[in-house]
């Protein structure tokens, strides 16, 4: 997830490439997708660990 956050931020500095919705590049959209997947995975693992302990 940290790599995706870094990549997302660095894409603002590049200045080349096509821009899409919210003026983000395709790499930023890919990074955002990976961040969402990482957050959902962390939430699922946390919840399943908590329910297994109880």
N, C-alpha and C. Protein backbone atom coordinates (compact mmCIF):
# COMPACT_ATOMS: atom_id res chain seq x y z
N UNK A 1 0.82 -1.18 0.00
CA UNK A 1 0.00 0.00 0.00
C UNK A 1 0.88 1.26 0.00
N UNK A 2 1.99 1.21 0.69
CA UNK A 2 2.87 2.38 0.73
C UNK A 2 3.45 2.70 -0.65
N UNK A 3 3.79 1.65 -1.40
CA UNK A 3 4.29 1.87 -2.76
C UNK A 3 3.22 2.58 -3.61
N UNK A 4 2.00 2.14 -3.49
CA UNK A 4 0.91 2.75 -4.26
C UNK A 4 0.70 4.20 -3.86
N UNK A 5 0.80 4.50 -2.58
CA UNK A 5 0.67 5.89 -2.14
C UNK A 5 1.79 6.76 -2.71
N UNK A 6 3.01 6.24 -2.67
CA UNK A 6 4.14 6.98 -3.23
C UNK A 6 4.00 7.19 -4.72
N UNK A 7 3.61 6.14 -5.41
CA UNK A 7 3.43 6.23 -6.86
C UNK A 7 2.34 7.23 -7.21
N UNK A 8 1.26 7.22 -6.46
CA UNK A 8 0.16 8.16 -6.69
C UNK A 8 0.65 9.59 -6.59
N UNK A 9 1.40 9.89 -5.54
CA UNK A 9 1.91 11.25 -5.34
C UNK A 9 2.92 11.67 -6.39
N UNK A 10 3.80 10.76 -6.77
CA UNK A 10 4.83 11.09 -7.75
C UNK A 10 4.26 11.34 -9.15
N UNK A 11 3.14 10.75 -9.44
CA UNK A 11 2.53 10.97 -10.75
C UNK A 11 2.11 12.42 -10.95
N UNK A 12 1.85 13.16 -9.87
CA UNK A 12 1.52 14.57 -10.01
C UNK A 12 2.71 15.36 -10.53
N UNK A 13 3.92 14.90 -10.25
CA UNK A 13 5.13 15.61 -10.65
C UNK A 13 5.55 15.34 -12.09
N UNK A 14 5.07 14.27 -12.67
CA UNK A 14 5.52 13.88 -14.01
C UNK A 14 5.08 14.85 -15.08
N UNK A 15 3.82 15.17 -15.15
CA UNK A 15 3.34 16.13 -16.11
C UNK A 15 3.07 15.59 -17.51
N UNK A 16 3.44 14.35 -17.78
CA UNK A 16 3.15 13.79 -19.10
C UNK A 16 2.03 12.77 -18.99
N UNK A 17 1.56 12.30 -20.08
CA UNK A 17 0.53 11.28 -20.08
C UNK A 17 -0.86 11.88 -20.10
N UNK A 18 -1.78 11.04 -20.52
CA UNK A 18 -3.18 11.47 -20.61
C UNK A 18 -3.79 11.61 -19.22
N UNK A 19 -4.70 12.54 -19.09
CA UNK A 19 -5.40 12.78 -17.83
C UNK A 19 -6.85 12.36 -17.99
N UNK A 20 -7.40 11.79 -16.95
CA UNK A 20 -8.77 11.32 -16.98
C UNK A 20 -9.58 12.00 -15.88
N UNK A 21 -10.57 11.33 -15.37
CA UNK A 21 -11.44 11.87 -14.33
C UNK A 21 -10.62 12.36 -13.15
N UNK A 22 -10.97 13.48 -12.58
CA UNK A 22 -10.26 14.16 -11.47
C UNK A 22 -8.85 14.59 -11.87
N UNK A 23 -8.58 14.63 -13.18
CA UNK A 23 -7.25 15.00 -13.70
C UNK A 23 -6.16 14.04 -13.24
N UNK A 24 -6.51 12.76 -13.05
CA UNK A 24 -5.57 11.73 -12.65
C UNK A 24 -5.13 10.94 -13.87
N UNK A 25 -3.89 10.45 -13.83
CA UNK A 25 -3.38 9.59 -14.90
C UNK A 25 -3.85 8.16 -14.67
N UNK A 26 -3.60 7.32 -15.66
CA UNK A 26 -3.99 5.91 -15.52
C UNK A 26 -3.19 5.24 -14.40
N UNK A 27 -1.94 5.65 -14.20
CA UNK A 27 -1.14 5.10 -13.11
C UNK A 27 -1.73 5.48 -11.75
N UNK A 28 -2.28 6.68 -11.63
CA UNK A 28 -2.90 7.09 -10.38
C UNK A 28 -4.17 6.29 -10.13
N UNK A 29 -4.93 6.03 -11.18
CA UNK A 29 -6.13 5.21 -11.02
C UNK A 29 -5.77 3.78 -10.62
N UNK A 30 -4.70 3.25 -11.19
CA UNK A 30 -4.24 1.91 -10.81
C UNK A 30 -3.78 1.89 -9.36
N UNK A 31 -3.05 2.92 -8.97
CA UNK A 31 -2.59 3.02 -7.59
C UNK A 31 -3.76 3.12 -6.62
N UNK A 32 -4.77 3.90 -6.98
CA UNK A 32 -5.93 4.04 -6.11
C UNK A 32 -6.66 2.71 -5.98
N UNK A 33 -6.73 1.96 -7.07
CA UNK A 33 -7.34 0.63 -7.01
C UNK A 33 -6.59 -0.29 -6.07
N UNK A 34 -5.27 -0.25 -6.13
CA UNK A 34 -4.46 -1.09 -5.25
C UNK A 34 -4.59 -0.65 -3.79
N UNK A 35 -4.71 0.65 -3.55
CA UNK A 35 -4.89 1.15 -2.18
C UNK A 35 -6.22 0.65 -1.63
N UNK A 36 -7.27 0.72 -2.43
CA UNK A 36 -8.59 0.26 -2.00
C UNK A 36 -8.55 -1.24 -1.70
N UNK A 37 -7.92 -2.01 -2.58
CA UNK A 37 -7.81 -3.45 -2.37
C UNK A 37 -7.04 -3.75 -1.09
N UNK A 38 -5.95 -3.02 -0.84
CA UNK A 38 -5.16 -3.23 0.37
C UNK A 38 -5.97 -2.89 1.63
N UNK A 39 -6.73 -1.80 1.59
CA UNK A 39 -7.53 -1.41 2.75
C UNK A 39 -8.64 -2.42 3.03
N UNK A 40 -9.30 -2.88 1.99
CA UNK A 40 -10.36 -3.88 2.16
C UNK A 40 -9.77 -5.18 2.70
N UNK A 41 -8.63 -5.60 2.16
CA UNK A 41 -7.98 -6.83 2.64
C UNK A 41 -7.58 -6.70 4.11
N UNK A 42 -7.04 -5.56 4.49
CA UNK A 42 -6.66 -5.34 5.89
C UNK A 42 -7.88 -5.37 6.80
N UNK A 43 -8.98 -4.78 6.35
CA UNK A 43 -10.20 -4.78 7.16
C UNK A 43 -10.75 -6.19 7.32
N UNK A 44 -10.76 -6.96 6.25
CA UNK A 44 -11.26 -8.34 6.31
C UNK A 44 -10.39 -9.18 7.23
N UNK A 45 -9.09 -9.07 7.10
CA UNK A 45 -8.19 -9.84 7.96
C UNK A 45 -8.33 -9.45 9.42
N UNK A 46 -8.48 -8.15 9.69
CA UNK A 46 -8.64 -7.68 11.06
C UNK A 46 -9.95 -8.20 11.67
N UNK A 47 -11.01 -8.10 10.90
CA UNK A 47 -12.30 -8.56 11.41
C UNK A 47 -12.33 -10.08 11.60
N UNK A 48 -11.72 -10.82 10.69
CA UNK A 48 -11.73 -12.27 10.83
C UNK A 48 -10.85 -12.71 12.00
N UNK A 49 -9.79 -11.98 12.28
CA UNK A 49 -8.94 -12.31 13.43
C UNK A 49 -9.68 -12.02 14.74
N UNK A 50 -10.41 -10.92 14.78
CA UNK A 50 -11.16 -10.56 15.99
C UNK A 50 -12.29 -11.56 16.27
N UNK A 51 -12.98 -12.01 15.23
CA UNK A 51 -14.07 -12.94 15.43
C UNK A 51 -13.54 -14.34 15.79
N UNK A 52 -12.36 -14.68 15.32
CA UNK A 52 -11.77 -15.99 15.64
C UNK A 52 -11.33 -16.06 17.09
N UNK A 53 -10.93 -14.92 17.66
CA UNK A 53 -10.51 -14.90 19.06
C UNK A 53 -11.68 -15.00 20.01
N UNK A 54 -12.85 -14.54 19.60
CA UNK A 54 -14.02 -14.54 20.49
C UNK A 54 -14.76 -15.81 20.43
